[in-house]
C-alpha atoms as a PDB file:
ATOM      1  CA  MET A   1      13.360 -16.615  -7.887  1.00  0.00           C
ATOM      2  CA  THR A   2       9.650 -16.994  -8.686  1.00  0.00           C
ATOM      3  CA  THR A   3       7.083 -14.216  -8.897  1.00  0.00           C
ATOM      4  CA  GLU A   4       5.267 -15.493  -5.824  1.00  0.00           C
ATOM      5  CA  HIS A   5       6.340 -12.773  -3.391  1.00  0.00           C
ATOM      6  CA  ALA A   6       5.675 -10.056  -5.929  1.00  0.00           C
ATOM      7  CA  HIS A   7       2.021 -10.902  -6.198  1.00  0.00           C
ATOM      8  CA  SER A   8       1.021  -9.871  -2.698  1.00  0.00           C
ATOM      9  CA  GLU A   9       0.872 -13.357  -1.254  1.00  0.00           C
ATOM     10  CA  ARG A  10      -2.599 -13.901  -2.714  1.00  0.00           C
ATOM     11  CA  THR A  11      -2.470 -17.629  -2.072  1.00  0.00           C
ATOM     12  CA  CYS A  12       0.348 -18.252   0.398  1.00  0.00           C
ATOM     13  CA  LYS A  13      -1.927 -18.193   3.448  1.00  0.00           C
ATOM     14  CA  GLU A  14      -4.912 -20.039   2.053  1.00  0.00           C
ATOM     15  CA  ASN A  15      -6.039 -23.316   3.567  1.00  0.00           C
ATOM     16  CA  ARG A  16      -4.008 -22.882   6.752  1.00  0.00           C
ATOM     17  CA  PRO A  17      -6.413 -23.536   9.642  1.00  0.00           C
ATOM     18  CA  GLY A  18      -6.039 -21.137  12.544  1.00  0.00           C
ATOM     19  CA  LYS A  19      -3.868 -18.749  10.553  1.00  0.00           C
ATOM     20  CA  SER A  20      -4.849 -15.280   9.404  1.00  0.00           C
ATOM     21  CA  LEU A  21      -5.853 -14.890   5.779  1.00  0.00           C
ATOM     22  CA  PHE A  22      -3.872 -11.666   5.619  1.00  0.00           C
ATOM     23  CA  ALA A  23      -0.526 -10.311   6.740  1.00  0.00           C
ATOM     24  CA  TYR A  24      -0.903  -7.198   8.881  1.00  0.00           C
ATOM     25  CA  ALA A  25       1.503  -4.278   8.653  1.00  0.00           C
ATOM     26  CA  ALA A  26       2.089  -1.192  10.772  1.00  0.00           C
ATOM     27  CA  THR A  27       3.093   2.072   9.078  1.00  0.00           C
ATOM     28  CA  GLY A  28       6.073   4.272   9.833  1.00  0.00           C
ATOM     29  CA  GLY A  29       8.656   6.739   8.609  1.00  0.00           C
ATOM     30  CA  THR A  30      11.590   8.832   9.699  1.00  0.00           C
ATOM     31  CA  ALA A  31      11.292  12.153  11.517  1.00  0.00           C
ATOM     32  CA  GLU A  32      11.766  13.790   8.104  1.00  0.00           C
ATOM     33  CA  LEU A  33       8.255  12.711   7.148  1.00  0.00           C
ATOM     34  CA  SER A  34       5.593  15.431   7.257  1.00  0.00           C
ATOM     35  CA  PRO A  35       3.925  15.797  10.691  1.00  0.00           C
ATOM     36  CA  SER A  36       0.552  15.391   8.952  1.00  0.00           C
ATOM     37  CA  ALA A  37       1.454  12.030   7.412  1.00  0.00           C
ATOM     38  CA  PRO A  38      -0.836   9.245   8.699  1.00  0.00           C
ATOM     39  CA  VAL A  39       1.736   6.794  10.054  1.00  0.00           C
ATOM     40  CA  ILE A  40       1.778   5.108  13.446  1.00  0.00           C
ATOM     41  CA  PHE A  41       5.508   5.044  14.142  1.00  0.00           C
ATOM     42  CA  ARG A  42       8.141   7.718  13.555  1.00  0.00           C
ATOM     43  CA  GLY A  43      11.874   7.837  13.993  1.00  0.00           C
ATOM     44  CA  ASP A  44      14.234   4.878  13.873  1.00  0.00           C
ATOM     45  CA  ILE A  45      13.112   1.983  11.702  1.00  0.00           C
ATOM     46  CA  TYR A  46      14.603  -0.617  14.015  1.00  0.00           C
ATOM     47  CA  ASP A  47      12.774   0.794  17.038  1.00  0.00           C
ATOM     48  CA  SER A  48       9.591   0.756  14.972  1.00  0.00           C
ATOM     49  CA  ILE A  49      10.143  -2.886  14.028  1.00  0.00           C
ATOM     50  CA  GLU A  50      10.777  -3.833  17.662  1.00  0.00           C
ATOM     51  CA  GLN A  51       7.482  -2.275  18.728  1.00  0.00           C
ATOM     52  CA  ALA A  52       5.594  -3.811  15.801  1.00  0.00           C
ATOM     53  CA  VAL A  53       6.955  -7.264  16.662  1.00  0.00           C
ATOM     54  CA  GLN A  54       5.929  -6.882  20.311  1.00  0.00           C
ATOM     55  CA  ILE A  55       2.396  -5.898  19.314  1.00  0.00           C
ATOM     56  CA  GLY A  56       2.027  -8.821  16.906  1.00  0.00           C
ATOM     57  CA  PHE A  57       2.317  -7.300  13.442  1.00  0.00           C
ATOM     58  CA  ASP A  58       3.736  -9.384  10.618  1.00  0.00           C
ATOM     59  CA  SER A  59       5.424  -6.511   8.826  1.00  0.00           C
ATOM     60  CA  LEU A  60       6.102  -2.792   8.475  1.00  0.00           C
ATOM     61  CA  GLU A  61       5.344  -0.335   5.682  1.00  0.00           C
ATOM     62  CA  TRP A  62       8.013   2.364   5.623  1.00  0.00           C
ATOM     63  CA  HIS A  63       8.010   5.769   3.935  1.00  0.00           C
ATOM     64  CA  VAL A  64      11.186   6.627   2.057  1.00  0.00           C
ATOM     65  CA  ARG A  65      12.382   9.702   0.216  1.00  0.00           C
ATOM     66  CA  ALA A  66      15.147   7.890  -1.670  1.00  0.00           C
ATOM     67  CA  ALA A  67      16.865   4.524  -1.828  1.00  0.00           C
ATOM     68  CA  GLU A  68      19.709   5.834   0.350  1.00  0.00           C
ATOM     69  CA  ASP A  69      17.270   6.003   3.268  1.00  0.00           C
ATOM     70  CA  ILE A  70      17.473   2.212   3.586  1.00  0.00           C
ATOM     71  CA  GLU A  71      20.451  -0.049   4.313  1.00  0.00           C
ATOM     72  CA  ALA A  72      18.778  -2.992   2.654  1.00  0.00           C
ATOM     73  CA  GLU A  73      21.181  -5.789   3.601  1.00  0.00           C
ATOM     74  CA  LYS A  74      21.335  -4.755   7.259  1.00  0.00           C
ATOM     75  CA  LEU A  75      17.559  -4.300   7.426  1.00  0.00           C
ATOM     76  CA  LYS A  76      16.853  -7.652   5.776  1.00  0.00           C
ATOM     77  CA  GLU A  77      19.124  -9.447   8.236  1.00  0.00           C
ATOM     78  CA  TYR A  78      17.438  -7.701  11.167  1.00  0.00           C
ATOM     79  CA  CYS A  79      13.973  -8.619   9.902  1.00  0.00           C
ATOM     80  CA  ASP A  80      14.996 -12.223   9.320  1.00  0.00           C
ATOM     81  CA  ARG A  81      16.263 -12.504  12.896  1.00  0.00           C
ATOM     82  CA  HIS A  82      12.886 -11.322  14.172  1.00  0.00           C
ATOM     83  CA  GLN A  83      10.848 -13.422  11.693  1.00  0.00           C
ATOM     84  CA  PHE A  84       9.496 -10.132  10.401  1.00  0.00           C
ATOM     85  CA  ARG A  85       9.464  -8.408   7.039  1.00  0.00           C
ATOM     86  CA  ILE A  86       9.084  -5.074   5.305  1.00  0.00           C
ATOM     87  CA  ALA A  87       5.708  -5.084   3.569  1.00  0.00           C
ATOM     88  CA  ALA A  88       6.102  -2.031   1.354  1.00  0.00           C
ATOM     89  CA  LEU A  89       8.094   1.088   0.634  1.00  0.00           C
ATOM     90  CA  ALA A  90       5.908   4.188   0.249  1.00  0.00           C
ATOM     91  CA  THR A  91       7.352   6.816  -2.078  1.00  0.00           C
ATOM     92  CA  GLY A  92       5.269   9.970  -1.642  1.00  0.00           C
ATOM     93  CA  MET A  93       8.093  11.935   0.000  1.00  0.00           C
ATOM     94  CA  ALA A  94       9.879  12.089  -3.358  1.00  0.00           C
ATOM     95  CA  TYR A  95       6.937  14.142  -4.624  1.00  0.00           C
ATOM     96  CA  THR A  96       6.109  16.221  -1.545  1.00  0.00           C
ATOM     97  CA  MET A  97       9.742  17.075  -0.752  1.00  0.00           C
ATOM     98  CA  ASP A  98      11.519  16.868  -4.108  1.00  0.00           C
ATOM     99  CA  GLN A  99       8.620  17.541  -6.510  1.00  0.00           C
ATOM    100  CA  LEU A 100       9.395  14.437  -8.553  1.00  0.00           C
ATOM    101  CA  SER A 101       6.448  13.476 -10.739  1.00  0.00           C
ATOM    102  CA  LEU A 102       5.866  10.740 -13.310  1.00  0.00           C
ATOM    103  CA  ILE A 103       3.873  13.151 -15.502  1.00  0.00           C
ATOM    104  CA  ASP A 104       6.316  16.066 -15.480  1.00  0.00           C
ATOM    105  CA  GLU A 105       6.313  17.729 -18.906  1.00  0.00           C
ATOM    106  CA  GLU A 106      10.006  18.477 -18.565  1.00  0.00           C
ATOM    107  CA  GLN A 107      11.680  15.304 -19.810  1.00  0.00           C
ATOM    108  CA  GLN A 108      14.710  15.415 -17.525  1.00  0.00           C
ATOM    109  CA  ARG A 109      12.629  15.936 -14.393  1.00  0.00           C
ATOM    110  CA  ARG A 110      10.354  13.042 -15.377  1.00  0.00           C
ATOM    111  CA  GLN A 111      13.386  10.835 -15.941  1.00  0.00           C
ATOM    112  CA  ASN A 112      14.664  11.873 -12.511  1.00  0.00           C
ATOM    113  CA  ALA A 113      11.383  10.654 -11.036  1.00  0.00           C
ATOM    114  CA  ILE A 114      11.647   7.353 -12.895  1.00  0.00           C
ATOM    115  CA  LYS A 115      15.278   6.972 -11.821  1.00  0.00           C
ATOM    116  CA  ARG A 116      14.339   7.606  -8.174  1.00  0.00           C
ATOM    117  CA  LEU A 117      11.722   4.875  -8.317  1.00  0.00           C
ATOM    118  CA  ILE A 118      14.025   2.458 -10.103  1.00  0.00           C
ATOM    119  CA  GLU A 119      16.522   2.862  -7.270  1.00  0.00           C
ATOM    120  CA  ILE A 120      13.762   2.254  -4.705  1.00  0.00           C
ATOM    121  CA  ILE A 121      12.637  -0.825  -6.653  1.00  0.00           C
ATOM    122  CA  ASP A 122      16.184  -2.193  -6.393  1.00  0.00           C
ATOM    123  CA  VAL A 123      16.043  -1.801  -2.604  1.00  0.00           C
ATOM    124  CA  ALA A 124      12.574  -3.381  -2.525  1.00  0.00           C
ATOM    125  CA  SER A 125      13.951  -6.348  -4.419  1.00  0.00           C
ATOM    126  CA  GLN A 126      16.451  -6.986  -1.644  1.00  0.00           C
ATOM    127  CA  LEU A 127      13.715  -6.652   0.971  1.00  0.00           C
ATOM    128  CA  ARG A 128      11.183  -8.633  -1.082  1.00  0.00           C
ATOM    129  CA  CYS A 129       8.516  -5.988  -0.672  1.00  0.00           C
ATOM    130  CA  VAL A 130       5.978  -3.938  -2.611  1.00  0.00           C
ATOM    131  CA  VAL A 131       6.567  -0.393  -3.889  1.00  0.00           C
ATOM    132  CA  ILE A 132       3.652   2.031  -3.502  1.00  0.00           C
ATOM    133  CA  ILE A 133       3.085   4.725  -6.129  1.00  0.00           C
ATOM    134  CA  GLY A 134       0.680   7.367  -4.887  1.00  0.00           C
ATOM    135  CA  TYR A 135       1.618  11.043  -4.936  1.00  0.00           C
ATOM    136  CA  MET A 136       4.454  10.422  -7.371  1.00  0.00           C
ATOM    137  CA  ARG A 137       1.945  10.155 -10.201  1.00  0.00           C
ATOM    138  CA  GLY A 138       1.667  13.931  -9.773  1.00  0.00           C
ATOM    139  CA  ASN A 139      -1.242  16.312 -10.358  1.00  0.00           C
ATOM    140  CA  ILE A 140      -2.495  17.285 -13.788  1.00  0.00           C
ATOM    141  CA  PRO A 141      -1.845  21.032 -14.161  1.00  0.00           C
ATOM    142  CA  ASP A 142      -4.774  21.653 -16.523  1.00  0.00           C
ATOM    143  CA  VAL A 143      -7.838  19.506 -17.255  1.00  0.00           C
ATOM    144  CA  LEU A 144      -7.235  20.103 -20.961  1.00  0.00           C
ATOM    145  CA  GLN A 145      -3.949  18.213 -20.586  1.00  0.00           C
ATOM    146  CA  TYR A 146      -5.584  15.088 -19.124  1.00  0.00           C
ATOM    147  CA  GLU A 147      -4.938  12.796 -22.083  1.00  0.00           C
ATOM    148  CA  ARG A 148      -1.363  14.004 -22.443  1.00  0.00           C
ATOM    149  CA  CYS A 149      -0.633  13.486 -18.725  1.00  0.00           C
ATOM    150  CA  GLU A 150      -2.306  10.084 -18.700  1.00  0.00           C
ATOM    151  CA  SER A 151      -0.112   9.103 -21.642  1.00  0.00           C
ATOM    152  CA  LEU A 152       2.982  10.243 -19.750  1.00  0.00           C
ATOM    153  CA  LEU A 153       1.945   8.200 -16.725  1.00  0.00           C
ATOM    154  CA  LEU A 154       1.392   5.120 -18.865  1.00  0.00           C
ATOM    155  CA  ASP A 155       4.830   5.519 -20.413  1.00  0.00           C
ATOM    156  CA  SER A 156       6.505   6.060 -17.031  1.00  0.00           C
ATOM    157  CA  LEU A 157       4.786   3.056 -15.470  1.00  0.00           C
ATOM    158  CA  GLN A 158       5.624   0.850 -18.435  1.00  0.00           C
ATOM    159  CA  GLN A 159       9.296   1.668 -17.958  1.00  0.00           C
ATOM    160  CA  LEU A 160       9.051   1.056 -14.234  1.00  0.00           C
ATOM    161  CA  ALA A 161       7.062  -2.159 -14.638  1.00  0.00           C
ATOM    162  CA  CYS A 162       9.709  -3.642 -16.931  1.00  0.00           C
ATOM    163  CA  HIS A 163      12.376  -2.916 -14.344  1.00  0.00           C
ATOM    164  CA  ALA A 164      10.159  -4.153 -11.499  1.00  0.00           C
ATOM    165  CA  GLU A 165       9.590  -7.425 -13.342  1.00  0.00           C
ATOM    166  CA  SER A 166      13.344  -7.883 -13.738  1.00  0.00           C
ATOM    167  CA  ARG A 167      13.679  -7.416  -9.954  1.00  0.00           C
ATOM    168  CA  ASN A 168      10.525  -9.407  -9.059  1.00  0.00           C
ATOM    169  CA  VAL A 169       8.935  -6.423  -7.312  1.00  0.00           C
ATOM    170  CA  LEU A 170       5.237  -5.596  -7.398  1.00  0.00           C
ATOM    171  CA  LEU A 171       4.218  -1.962  -7.993  1.00  0.00           C
ATOM    172  CA  VAL A 172       0.868  -0.799  -6.641  1.00  0.00           C
ATOM    173  CA  LEU A 173      -0.921   2.326  -7.856  1.00  0.00           C
ATOM    174  CA  GLU A 174      -3.019   3.915  -5.125  1.00  0.00           C
ATOM    175  CA  ALA A 175      -6.527   5.257  -5.726  1.00  0.00           C
ATOM    176  CA  ILE A 176      -6.420   8.614  -3.883  1.00  0.00           C
ATOM    177  CA  ASN A 177      -9.353  10.950  -3.217  1.00  0.00           C
ATOM    178  CA  LYS A 178      -9.779  14.100  -5.300  1.00  0.00           C
ATOM    179  CA  GLU A 179      -8.979  16.418  -2.380  1.00  0.00           C
ATOM    180  CA  GLU A 180      -5.366  15.212  -2.531  1.00  0.00           C
ATOM    181  CA  VAL A 181      -4.782  14.211  -6.177  1.00  0.00           C
ATOM    182  CA  ASN A 182      -6.809  15.356  -9.165  1.00  0.00           C
ATOM    183  CA  TYR A 183      -7.017  12.140 -11.182  1.00  0.00           C
ATOM    184  CA  LEU A 184      -7.267   8.361 -10.677  1.00  0.00           C
ATOM    185  CA  ASN A 185      -9.397   8.995  -7.600  1.00  0.00           C
ATOM    186  CA  GLY A 186     -11.949   6.200  -7.670  1.00  0.00           C
ATOM    187  CA  VAL A 187     -11.395   2.459  -7.602  1.00  0.00           C
ATOM    188  CA  LYS A 188     -13.041   1.869 -10.992  1.00  0.00           C
ATOM    189  CA  GLU A 189     -11.011   4.636 -12.655  1.00  0.00           C
ATOM    190  CA  THR A 190      -7.759   3.343 -11.184  1.00  0.00           C
ATOM    191  CA  THR A 191      -8.568  -0.294 -11.933  1.00  0.00           C
ATOM    192  CA  ASP A 192      -9.438   0.521 -15.542  1.00  0.00           C
ATOM    193  CA  PHE A 193      -6.150   2.389 -15.900  1.00  0.00           C
ATOM    194  CA  VAL A 194      -4.201  -0.592 -14.540  1.00  0.00           C
ATOM    195  CA  LYS A 195      -6.092  -2.872 -16.909  1.00  0.00           C
ATOM    196  CA  ARG A 196      -5.037  -0.645 -19.803  1.00  0.00           C
ATOM    197  CA  LEU A 197      -1.437  -0.812 -18.658  1.00  0.00           C
ATOM    198  CA  ASP A 198      -1.858  -4.589 -18.630  1.00  0.00           C
ATOM    199  CA  HIS A 199       1.309  -5.572 -16.805  1.00  0.00           C
ATOM    200  CA  PRO A 200       1.385  -8.370 -14.193  1.00  0.00           C
ATOM    201  CA  TYR A 201       3.736  -6.383 -11.966  1.00  0.00           C
ATOM    202  CA  VAL A 202       1.374  -3.410 -11.572  1.00  0.00           C
ATOM    203  CA  LYS A 203      -1.745  -3.715  -9.432  1.00  0.00           C
ATOM    204  CA  VAL A 204      -4.134  -1.458  -7.539  1.00  0.00           C
ATOM    205  CA  HIS A 205      -3.646  -0.186  -4.013  1.00  0.00           C
ATOM    206  CA  LEU A 206      -6.960   0.203  -2.140  1.00  0.00           C
ATOM    207  CA  ASP A 207      -7.307   2.513   0.855  1.00  0.00           C
ATOM    208  CA  THR A 208     -10.468   2.651   2.961  1.00  0.00           C
ATOM    209  CA  PHE A 209      -9.923   6.339   3.783  1.00  0.00           C
ATOM    210  CA  HIS A 210     -10.023   7.262   0.105  1.00  0.00           C
ATOM    211  CA  MET A 211     -12.769   4.755  -0.744  1.00  0.00           C
ATOM    212  CA  ASP A 212     -14.944   6.211   2.015  1.00  0.00           C
ATOM    213  CA  GLN A 213     -14.827   9.555   0.206  1.00  0.00           C
ATOM    214  CA  GLU A 214     -14.985   8.359  -3.396  1.00  0.00           C
ATOM    215  CA  GLU A 215     -17.132   5.227  -3.483  1.00  0.00           C
ATOM    216  CA  SER A 216     -20.908   4.942  -3.111  1.00  0.00           C
ATOM    217  CA  ASP A 217     -20.556   1.191  -2.470  1.00  0.00           C
ATOM    218  CA  ILE A 218     -17.173   0.139  -1.077  1.00  0.00           C
ATOM    219  CA  ALA A 219     -17.876  -3.601  -1.280  1.00  0.00           C
ATOM    220  CA  ALA A 220     -18.923  -3.334  -4.929  1.00  0.00           C
ATOM    221  CA  SER A 221     -15.786  -1.331  -5.702  1.00  0.00           C
ATOM    222  CA  ILE A 222     -13.606  -3.999  -4.089  1.00  0.00           C
ATOM    223  CA  ALA A 223     -15.390  -6.657  -6.130  1.00  0.00           C
ATOM    224  CA  TYR A 224     -14.818  -4.650  -9.319  1.00  0.00           C
ATOM    225  CA  CYS A 225     -11.092  -4.405  -8.594  1.00  0.00           C
ATOM    226  CA  GLY A 226     -10.963  -8.126  -7.818  1.00  0.00           C
ATOM    227  CA  GLU A 227      -7.815  -9.852  -9.005  1.00  0.00           C
ATOM    228  CA  HIS A 228      -6.140  -6.502  -9.605  1.00  0.00           C
ATOM    229  CA  ILE A 229      -5.882  -5.739  -5.868  1.00  0.00           C
ATOM    230  CA  GLY A 230      -2.231  -5.660  -4.843  1.00  0.00           C
ATOM    231  CA  TYR A 231      -2.182  -3.914  -1.470  1.00  0.00           C
ATOM    232  CA  VAL A 232      -4.662  -2.542   1.081  1.00  0.00           C
ATOM    233  CA  HIS A 233      -4.727   0.228   3.695  1.00  0.00           C
ATOM    234  CA  TYR A 234      -7.190   0.084   6.598  1.00  0.00           C
ATOM    235  CA  VAL A 235      -8.053   3.364   8.304  1.00  0.00           C
ATOM    236  CA  ASP A 236     -11.364   4.738   9.526  1.00  0.00           C
ATOM    237  CA  ARG A 237     -13.100   8.002   8.630  1.00  0.00           C
ATOM    238  CA  HIS A 238     -11.170  11.141   9.616  1.00  0.00           C
ATOM    239  CA  ARG A 239      -8.017   9.013   9.826  1.00  0.00           C
ATOM    240  CA  ARG A 240      -9.257   7.324  12.975  1.00  0.00           C
ATOM    241  CA  ILE A 241      -8.203   3.879  14.160  1.00  0.00           C
ATOM    242  CA  PRO A 242     -10.296   1.145  12.460  1.00  0.00           C
ATOM    243  CA  GLY A 243     -13.417   0.540  14.518  1.00  0.00           C
ATOM    244  CA  GLU A 244     -13.432   4.041  15.989  1.00  0.00           C
ATOM    245  CA  GLY A 245     -15.173   5.748  13.066  1.00  0.00           C
ATOM    246  CA  CYS A 246     -18.000   4.975  10.654  1.00  0.00           C
ATOM    247  CA  ILE A 247     -16.573   2.555   8.069  1.00  0.00           C
ATOM    248  CA  ASP A 248     -18.040  -0.960   8.079  1.00  0.00           C
ATOM    249  CA  PHE A 249     -14.885  -3.058   8.207  1.00  0.00           C
ATOM    250  CA  SER A 250     -16.851  -6.287   8.350  1.00  0.00           C
ATOM    251  CA  GLN A 251     -18.242  -5.438   4.923  1.00  0.00           C
ATOM    252  CA  VAL A 252     -14.797  -4.451   3.635  1.00  0.00           C
ATOM    253  CA  THR A 253     -13.149  -7.616   4.956  1.00  0.00           C
ATOM    254  CA  HIS A 254     -15.916  -9.878   3.611  1.00  0.00           C
ATOM    255  CA  ALA A 255     -15.475  -8.272   0.205  1.00  0.00           C
ATOM    256  CA  LEU A 256     -11.690  -8.742   0.258  1.00  0.00           C
ATOM    257  CA  ILE A 257     -12.007 -12.382   1.283  1.00  0.00           C
ATOM    258  CA  HIS A 258     -14.508 -12.974  -1.507  1.00  0.00           C
ATOM    259  CA  THR A 259     -12.108 -11.595  -4.147  1.00  0.00           C
ATOM    260  CA  GLY A 260      -9.441 -14.082  -3.067  1.00  0.00           C
ATOM    261  CA  TYR A 261      -7.045 -11.386  -1.886  1.00  0.00           C
ATOM    262  CA  ARG A 262      -4.576 -12.863   0.594  1.00  0.00           C
ATOM    263  CA  GLY A 263      -1.944 -10.151   0.816  1.00  0.00           C
ATOM    264  CA  THR A 264      -1.080  -7.388   3.260  1.00  0.00           C
ATOM    265  CA  ILE A 265      -3.483  -5.120   5.104  1.00  0.00           C
ATOM    266  CA  SER A 266      -1.553  -2.136   6.391  1.00  0.00           C
ATOM    267  CA  LEU A 267      -2.878   0.107   9.179  1.00  0.00           C
ATOM    268  CA  GLU A 268      -2.395   3.713   8.111  1.00  0.00           C
ATOM    269  CA  TYR A 269      -3.355   6.352  10.662  1.00  0.00           C
ATOM    270  CA  PRO A 270      -1.584   8.815  12.954  1.00  0.00           C
ATOM    271  CA  PRO A 271      -0.805   7.841  16.541  1.00  0.00           C
ATOM    272  CA  TRP A 272      -3.785   8.887  18.631  1.00  0.00           C
ATOM    273  CA  ASP A 273      -2.393   9.757  22.093  1.00  0.00           C
ATOM    274  CA  ASP A 274       0.170   6.957  22.124  1.00  0.00           C
ATOM    275  CA  ALA A 275       1.660   5.172  19.108  1.00  0.00           C
ATOM    276  CA  TYR A 276       2.058   1.788  20.793  1.00  0.00           C
ATOM    277  CA  GLN A 277      -1.483   1.739  22.194  1.00  0.00           C
ATOM    278  CA  SER A 278      -2.931   3.044  18.913  1.00  0.00           C
ATOM    279  CA  ALA A 279      -1.211   0.245  17.039  1.00  0.00           C
ATOM    280  CA  GLU A 280      -2.441  -2.349  19.542  1.00  0.00           C
ATOM    281  CA  ARG A 281      -6.044  -1.150  19.329  1.00  0.00           C
ATOM    282  CA  GLY A 282      -6.049  -1.153  15.548  1.00  0.00           C
ATOM    283  CA  LEU A 283      -4.479  -4.578  15.144  1.00  0.00           C
ATOM    284  CA  SER A 284      -6.721  -6.174  17.762  1.00  0.00           C
ATOM    285  CA  TYR A 285      -9.816  -4.796  16.065  1.00  0.00           C
ATOM    286  CA  VAL A 286      -8.981  -5.816  12.492  1.00  0.00           C
ATOM    287  CA  LYS A 287      -7.942  -9.318  13.566  1.00  0.00           C
ATOM    288  CA  THR A 288     -11.229  -9.698  15.456  1.00  0.00           C
ATOM    289  CA  ILE A 289     -13.162  -8.569  12.383  1.00  0.00           C
ATOM    290  CA  GLU A 290     -11.303 -11.058  10.211  1.00  0.00           C
ATOM    291  CA  ARG A 291     -12.047 -13.915  12.618  1.00  0.00           C
ATOM    292  CA  GLN A 292     -15.737 -12.998  12.642  1.00  0.00           C
ATOM    293  CA  CYS A 293     -15.806 -12.895   8.848  1.00  0.00           C
ATOM    294  CA  ARG A 294     -14.117 -16.260   8.576  1.00  0.00           C
ATOM    295  CA  ILE A 295     -16.581 -17.836  11.025  1.00  0.00           C
ATOM    296  CA  ALA A 296     -19.517 -16.368   9.109  1.00  0.00           C
ATOM    297  CA  GLN A 297     -18.056 -17.662   5.846  1.00  0.00           C
ATOM    298  CA  GLU A 298     -17.514 -21.157   7.272  1.00  0.00           C
ATOM    299  CA  LEU A 299     -21.062 -21.285   8.673  1.00  0.00           C
ATOM    300  CA  GLY A 300     -22.419 -20.166   5.321  1.00  0.00           C
ATOM    301  CA  GLN A 301     -20.633 -23.026   3.584  1.00  0.00           C
ATOM    302  CA  LYS A 302     -22.095 -25.692   5.865  1.00  0.00           C
END
């Protein structure tokens, strides 16, 4: 198997007239997921897929606590029958529920965190999807321990990246605002860290909710990340549906197109009133924005 699917489909949709430049994913998780988690669908994964297919999504991002949450072979067969796919497995529940962290000073607990992610990577390999690392990087307990904790994270990710490469799975490290995680908050900081790691199977996960809080110029931050972008979340300010807040998604989409990113854009927000209608509104809006950006780009090239 080649590394093509692991690299976020950067080129697989280029030069296809009439087709979207991106794959669009809905977000979901089981009822075990925190009520405050910003996902559209909750409950049974197969029900979530059925709704996502009806609405017109290409894929689903699913939150997992452990590899046992997913029957990979059954799920892959179901997705194949519906010409659908799993875009990513989000792993934050392993931190919020089990306190597993990649920078834990206690060696055995850190190895437990690495082992949990290795098992999730194995499932992702069967599903041919991305693995998101956000909360599992942990919080630094003391600013004086920053260098030590950063070193632990580098070591943990190097171990995970080697395994991910053997399974042809892309890992994406999310830039998360400082109200939720106390390091690797901005796009530049996270991109520079990934550059230091220097592994082709680790890229940056951008999220407009976090960028809105951390970046003075979102488009410039996207440009800085450039070829290191591996996955993207779209959500408006205050976790609103894209287009129903203050973020300029035309600017964001133009910037992504300019970098050459051709992977997944996942809609990450809670269901406002009704999950199905919220998903429809979000997808319709972001597809309209993409079409407008493509038209503007084509006119600019003439």
